[in-house]
Each structure stands twice: as structure tokens, then as C-alpha cells.
N, C-alpha and C. Protein backbone atom coordinates (compact mmCIF):
# COMPACT_ATOMS: atom_id res chain seq x y z
N MET A 1 0.85 -1.17 0.00
CA MET A 1 0.00 0.00 0.00
C MET A 1 0.90 1.23 0.00
N GLY A 2 0.80 2.07 -1.03
CA GLY A 2 1.64 3.26 -1.13
C GLY A 2 0.94 4.49 -0.57
N ILE A 3 1.71 5.52 -0.42
CA ILE A 3 1.16 6.79 0.07
C ILE A 3 0.60 7.55 -1.12
N LYS A 4 -0.63 7.98 -1.00
CA LYS A 4 -1.27 8.71 -2.08
C LYS A 4 -1.03 10.20 -1.90
N LYS A 5 -0.84 10.87 -3.01
CA LYS A 5 -0.59 12.30 -2.99
C LYS A 5 -1.87 13.06 -2.66
N LYS A 6 -1.74 14.06 -1.80
CA LYS A 6 -2.88 14.91 -1.43
C LYS A 6 -3.31 15.72 -2.66
N ILE A 7 -4.61 15.81 -2.88
CA ILE A 7 -5.17 16.55 -4.01
C ILE A 7 -5.67 17.90 -3.52
N GLU A 8 -5.37 18.95 -4.25
CA GLU A 8 -5.85 20.28 -3.89
C GLU A 8 -6.66 20.86 -5.04
N CYS A 9 -7.84 21.36 -4.72
CA CYS A 9 -8.68 22.00 -5.73
C CYS A 9 -8.13 23.38 -6.02
N LYS A 10 -8.39 23.83 -7.24
CA LYS A 10 -8.06 25.20 -7.57
C LYS A 10 -9.01 26.10 -6.80
N PRO A 11 -8.51 27.18 -6.21
CA PRO A 11 -9.38 28.06 -5.42
C PRO A 11 -10.41 28.77 -6.30
N PRO A 12 -11.54 29.13 -5.72
CA PRO A 12 -12.56 29.84 -6.50
C PRO A 12 -12.07 31.22 -6.91
N ASP A 13 -12.70 31.76 -7.94
CA ASP A 13 -12.34 33.09 -8.46
C ASP A 13 -13.08 34.17 -7.68
N TRP A 14 -12.46 34.64 -6.59
CA TRP A 14 -13.09 35.68 -5.77
C TRP A 14 -12.92 37.06 -6.36
N SER A 15 -12.12 37.19 -7.42
CA SER A 15 -11.92 38.50 -8.03
C SER A 15 -13.06 38.87 -8.97
N ASN A 16 -13.88 37.92 -9.33
CA ASN A 16 -14.99 38.17 -10.23
C ASN A 16 -16.15 38.79 -9.46
N PRO A 17 -16.53 40.06 -9.74
CA PRO A 17 -17.60 40.72 -8.98
C PRO A 17 -18.95 40.02 -9.10
N THR A 18 -19.20 39.39 -10.23
CA THR A 18 -20.47 38.67 -10.41
C THR A 18 -20.55 37.48 -9.47
N ASN A 19 -19.43 36.75 -9.33
CA ASN A 19 -19.39 35.63 -8.39
C ASN A 19 -19.63 36.11 -6.97
N LEU A 20 -18.97 37.18 -6.58
CA LEU A 20 -19.12 37.71 -5.22
C LEU A 20 -20.54 38.17 -4.94
N GLU A 21 -21.15 38.87 -5.88
CA GLU A 21 -22.51 39.36 -5.69
C GLU A 21 -23.49 38.20 -5.53
N ALA A 22 -23.38 37.20 -6.40
CA ALA A 22 -24.26 36.04 -6.32
C ALA A 22 -24.04 35.27 -5.01
N TYR A 23 -22.78 35.07 -4.63
CA TYR A 23 -22.44 34.37 -3.40
C TYR A 23 -23.03 35.10 -2.19
N ASN A 24 -22.78 36.40 -2.09
CA ASN A 24 -23.29 37.18 -0.96
C ASN A 24 -24.80 37.16 -0.88
N TRP A 25 -25.46 37.30 -2.02
CA TRP A 25 -26.92 37.29 -2.03
C TRP A 25 -27.43 35.94 -1.53
N CYS A 26 -26.86 34.87 -2.04
CA CYS A 26 -27.31 33.53 -1.64
C CYS A 26 -27.12 33.29 -0.15
N ILE A 27 -25.94 33.61 0.37
CA ILE A 27 -25.67 33.40 1.79
C ILE A 27 -26.65 34.21 2.64
N ASN A 28 -26.90 35.44 2.26
CA ASN A 28 -27.82 36.30 3.01
C ASN A 28 -29.28 35.88 2.90
N HIS A 29 -29.60 35.03 1.92
CA HIS A 29 -30.98 34.58 1.74
C HIS A 29 -31.14 33.08 1.98
N GLY A 30 -30.19 32.47 2.67
CA GLY A 30 -30.33 31.08 3.10
C GLY A 30 -30.05 30.02 2.06
N VAL A 31 -29.42 30.38 0.96
CA VAL A 31 -29.04 29.39 -0.05
C VAL A 31 -27.57 29.07 0.19
N THR A 32 -27.29 27.82 0.55
CA THR A 32 -25.92 27.42 0.81
C THR A 32 -25.53 26.26 -0.10
N ILE A 33 -24.26 26.22 -0.44
CA ILE A 33 -23.76 25.17 -1.33
C ILE A 33 -22.50 24.60 -0.71
N GLY A 34 -22.49 23.28 -0.55
CA GLY A 34 -21.35 22.61 0.05
C GLY A 34 -20.83 21.51 -0.85
N CYS A 35 -19.58 21.14 -0.65
CA CYS A 35 -18.93 20.09 -1.44
C CYS A 35 -18.54 18.95 -0.52
N PHE A 36 -18.82 17.74 -0.96
CA PHE A 36 -18.53 16.56 -0.15
C PHE A 36 -17.70 15.57 -0.95
N ALA A 37 -16.63 15.10 -0.36
CA ALA A 37 -15.77 14.12 -1.01
C ALA A 37 -16.54 12.83 -1.26
N THR A 38 -16.27 12.20 -2.38
CA THR A 38 -16.96 10.96 -2.71
C THR A 38 -16.23 9.72 -2.20
N THR A 39 -14.97 9.90 -1.77
CA THR A 39 -14.21 8.80 -1.18
C THR A 39 -13.48 9.32 0.04
N PRO A 40 -13.13 8.45 1.00
CA PRO A 40 -12.42 8.90 2.19
C PRO A 40 -10.95 9.18 1.89
N GLY A 41 -10.33 9.96 2.76
CA GLY A 41 -8.90 10.20 2.67
C GLY A 41 -8.55 11.50 1.97
N PHE A 42 -7.25 11.77 1.92
CA PHE A 42 -6.76 13.01 1.34
C PHE A 42 -6.56 12.92 -0.16
N ALA A 43 -6.63 11.75 -0.74
CA ALA A 43 -6.38 11.59 -2.17
C ALA A 43 -7.68 11.60 -2.98
N ASN A 44 -8.71 12.16 -2.41
CA ASN A 44 -9.98 12.21 -3.12
C ASN A 44 -9.86 13.08 -4.37
N ARG A 45 -10.42 12.60 -5.45
CA ARG A 45 -10.34 13.33 -6.72
C ARG A 45 -11.70 13.80 -7.21
N THR A 46 -12.77 13.39 -6.57
CA THR A 46 -14.10 13.81 -7.00
C THR A 46 -14.97 14.20 -5.81
N TRP A 47 -15.90 15.11 -6.06
CA TRP A 47 -16.80 15.62 -5.04
C TRP A 47 -18.21 15.70 -5.60
N GLN A 48 -19.18 15.65 -4.70
CA GLN A 48 -20.56 15.95 -5.05
C GLN A 48 -20.91 17.28 -4.41
N ILE A 49 -21.89 17.95 -4.98
CA ILE A 49 -22.31 19.26 -4.50
C ILE A 49 -23.69 19.13 -3.88
N GLU A 50 -23.85 19.72 -2.69
CA GLU A 50 -25.16 19.74 -2.03
C GLU A 50 -25.63 21.19 -1.92
N VAL A 51 -26.84 21.44 -2.43
CA VAL A 51 -27.44 22.76 -2.37
C VAL A 51 -28.57 22.71 -1.35
N THR A 52 -28.58 23.67 -0.43
CA THR A 52 -29.69 23.82 0.51
C THR A 52 -30.37 25.14 0.19
N ALA A 53 -31.64 25.04 -0.23
CA ALA A 53 -32.43 26.22 -0.58
C ALA A 53 -33.88 25.98 -0.20
N ASN A 54 -34.48 26.98 0.39
CA ASN A 54 -35.88 26.88 0.83
C ASN A 54 -36.12 25.68 1.72
N GLY A 55 -35.15 25.35 2.56
CA GLY A 55 -35.28 24.25 3.50
C GLY A 55 -35.11 22.86 2.88
N LYS A 56 -34.80 22.79 1.59
CA LYS A 56 -34.62 21.50 0.92
C LYS A 56 -33.16 21.31 0.56
N LYS A 57 -32.69 20.08 0.73
CA LYS A 57 -31.32 19.74 0.36
C LYS A 57 -31.35 18.92 -0.93
N ILE A 58 -30.50 19.30 -1.86
CA ILE A 58 -30.42 18.60 -3.14
C ILE A 58 -28.96 18.21 -3.35
N LEU A 59 -28.72 16.92 -3.56
CA LEU A 59 -27.37 16.40 -3.80
C LEU A 59 -27.19 16.18 -5.31
N SER A 60 -26.11 16.68 -5.85
CA SER A 60 -25.88 16.53 -7.29
C SER A 60 -25.76 15.06 -7.66
N PRO A 61 -26.35 14.68 -8.78
CA PRO A 61 -26.22 13.29 -9.23
C PRO A 61 -24.85 13.04 -9.85
N LYS A 62 -24.16 14.11 -10.22
CA LYS A 62 -22.87 14.02 -10.89
C LYS A 62 -21.75 14.30 -9.90
N GLU A 63 -20.57 13.76 -10.19
CA GLU A 63 -19.38 14.04 -9.41
C GLU A 63 -18.51 15.03 -10.19
N TYR A 64 -17.81 15.89 -9.46
CA TYR A 64 -16.99 16.94 -10.07
C TYR A 64 -15.54 16.78 -9.65
N GLY A 65 -14.64 17.05 -10.57
CA GLY A 65 -13.21 16.94 -10.30
C GLY A 65 -12.61 18.27 -9.88
N ILE A 66 -11.29 18.28 -9.71
CA ILE A 66 -10.61 19.47 -9.20
C ILE A 66 -10.71 20.66 -10.14
N ASP A 67 -10.86 20.42 -11.43
CA ASP A 67 -10.91 21.52 -12.38
C ASP A 67 -12.30 22.13 -12.55
N ASN A 68 -13.34 21.37 -12.26
CA ASN A 68 -14.68 21.90 -12.51
C ASN A 68 -15.56 22.02 -11.27
N LEU A 69 -15.00 21.78 -10.09
CA LEU A 69 -15.80 21.86 -8.86
C LEU A 69 -16.25 23.29 -8.56
N TYR A 70 -15.31 24.20 -8.39
CA TYR A 70 -15.68 25.57 -8.03
C TYR A 70 -16.39 26.33 -9.15
N PRO A 71 -16.02 26.13 -10.42
CA PRO A 71 -16.83 26.76 -11.46
C PRO A 71 -18.30 26.33 -11.40
N LYS A 72 -18.55 25.05 -11.08
CA LYS A 72 -19.93 24.58 -10.96
C LYS A 72 -20.61 25.18 -9.73
N VAL A 73 -19.88 25.29 -8.62
CA VAL A 73 -20.45 25.89 -7.41
C VAL A 73 -20.90 27.32 -7.70
N PHE A 74 -20.05 28.09 -8.36
CA PHE A 74 -20.42 29.48 -8.66
C PHE A 74 -21.49 29.57 -9.73
N GLU A 75 -21.53 28.61 -10.63
CA GLU A 75 -22.63 28.55 -11.59
C GLU A 75 -23.96 28.37 -10.84
N LEU A 76 -23.95 27.54 -9.83
CA LEU A 76 -25.17 27.32 -9.03
C LEU A 76 -25.53 28.55 -8.21
N TYR A 77 -24.53 29.21 -7.61
CA TYR A 77 -24.82 30.45 -6.88
C TYR A 77 -25.46 31.47 -7.82
N LYS A 78 -24.92 31.61 -9.02
CA LYS A 78 -25.47 32.58 -9.98
C LYS A 78 -26.87 32.16 -10.44
N PHE A 79 -27.10 30.85 -10.57
CA PHE A 79 -28.43 30.37 -10.95
C PHE A 79 -29.47 30.79 -9.91
N TYR A 80 -29.19 30.53 -8.64
CA TYR A 80 -30.15 30.88 -7.59
C TYR A 80 -30.28 32.39 -7.44
N TYR A 81 -29.21 33.11 -7.59
CA TYR A 81 -29.24 34.58 -7.54
C TYR A 81 -30.16 35.13 -8.63
N ASN A 82 -29.97 34.65 -9.85
CA ASN A 82 -30.78 35.12 -10.98
C ASN A 82 -32.23 34.66 -10.90
N LYS A 83 -32.45 33.49 -10.34
CA LYS A 83 -33.81 32.95 -10.27
C LYS A 83 -34.65 33.67 -9.20
N TYR A 84 -34.08 33.97 -8.05
CA TYR A 84 -34.87 34.49 -6.93
C TYR A 84 -34.63 35.97 -6.61
N ASN A 85 -33.64 36.60 -7.21
CA ASN A 85 -33.36 38.00 -6.89
C ASN A 85 -34.31 38.91 -7.66
């Protein structure tokens, strides 16, 4: 059994004002989005996304990798911002 390399996701783009506005609006209105590893340990390469909105939790049917996790999270924040704002 070898040692697996720790995987790090690319950080979200906080410099984008549209991302920040959508994120802030969602947090202030009870829409939260979390990421959960699909396997145990530090070498996890895929995550699922859970959205909590209007008291309902929705788990993504798809798994996301290190390159598309945060872009999808912010896509969801913008979706809820545009839908309910």
C-alpha cells in the first residue's frame, strides 16, 4: 500500500464581482452550497455538491473533479441569484 498524494482543488475566483454578488446574495438569503468528497482520505479526486435552498437539500447526481468543482459551485450560486433575486 503506497502513500497517495494529497489533491488540492483550484481556489474559487473571488476576483470576479459577479461571483461575489451572487455568493453574498445567496448566503444572506439562506441558499448554501457545500462540497462533499466521494471517497475517504486526502487523495480524493471527485466531489458531489449539495445545495440547501428553501429548506430543501439537493445532492448533485454528478461528481466533479478538481478543475470543474468551483466553477460549478459558482454557476449554481449565480443560478439561484438570478432565479430568486
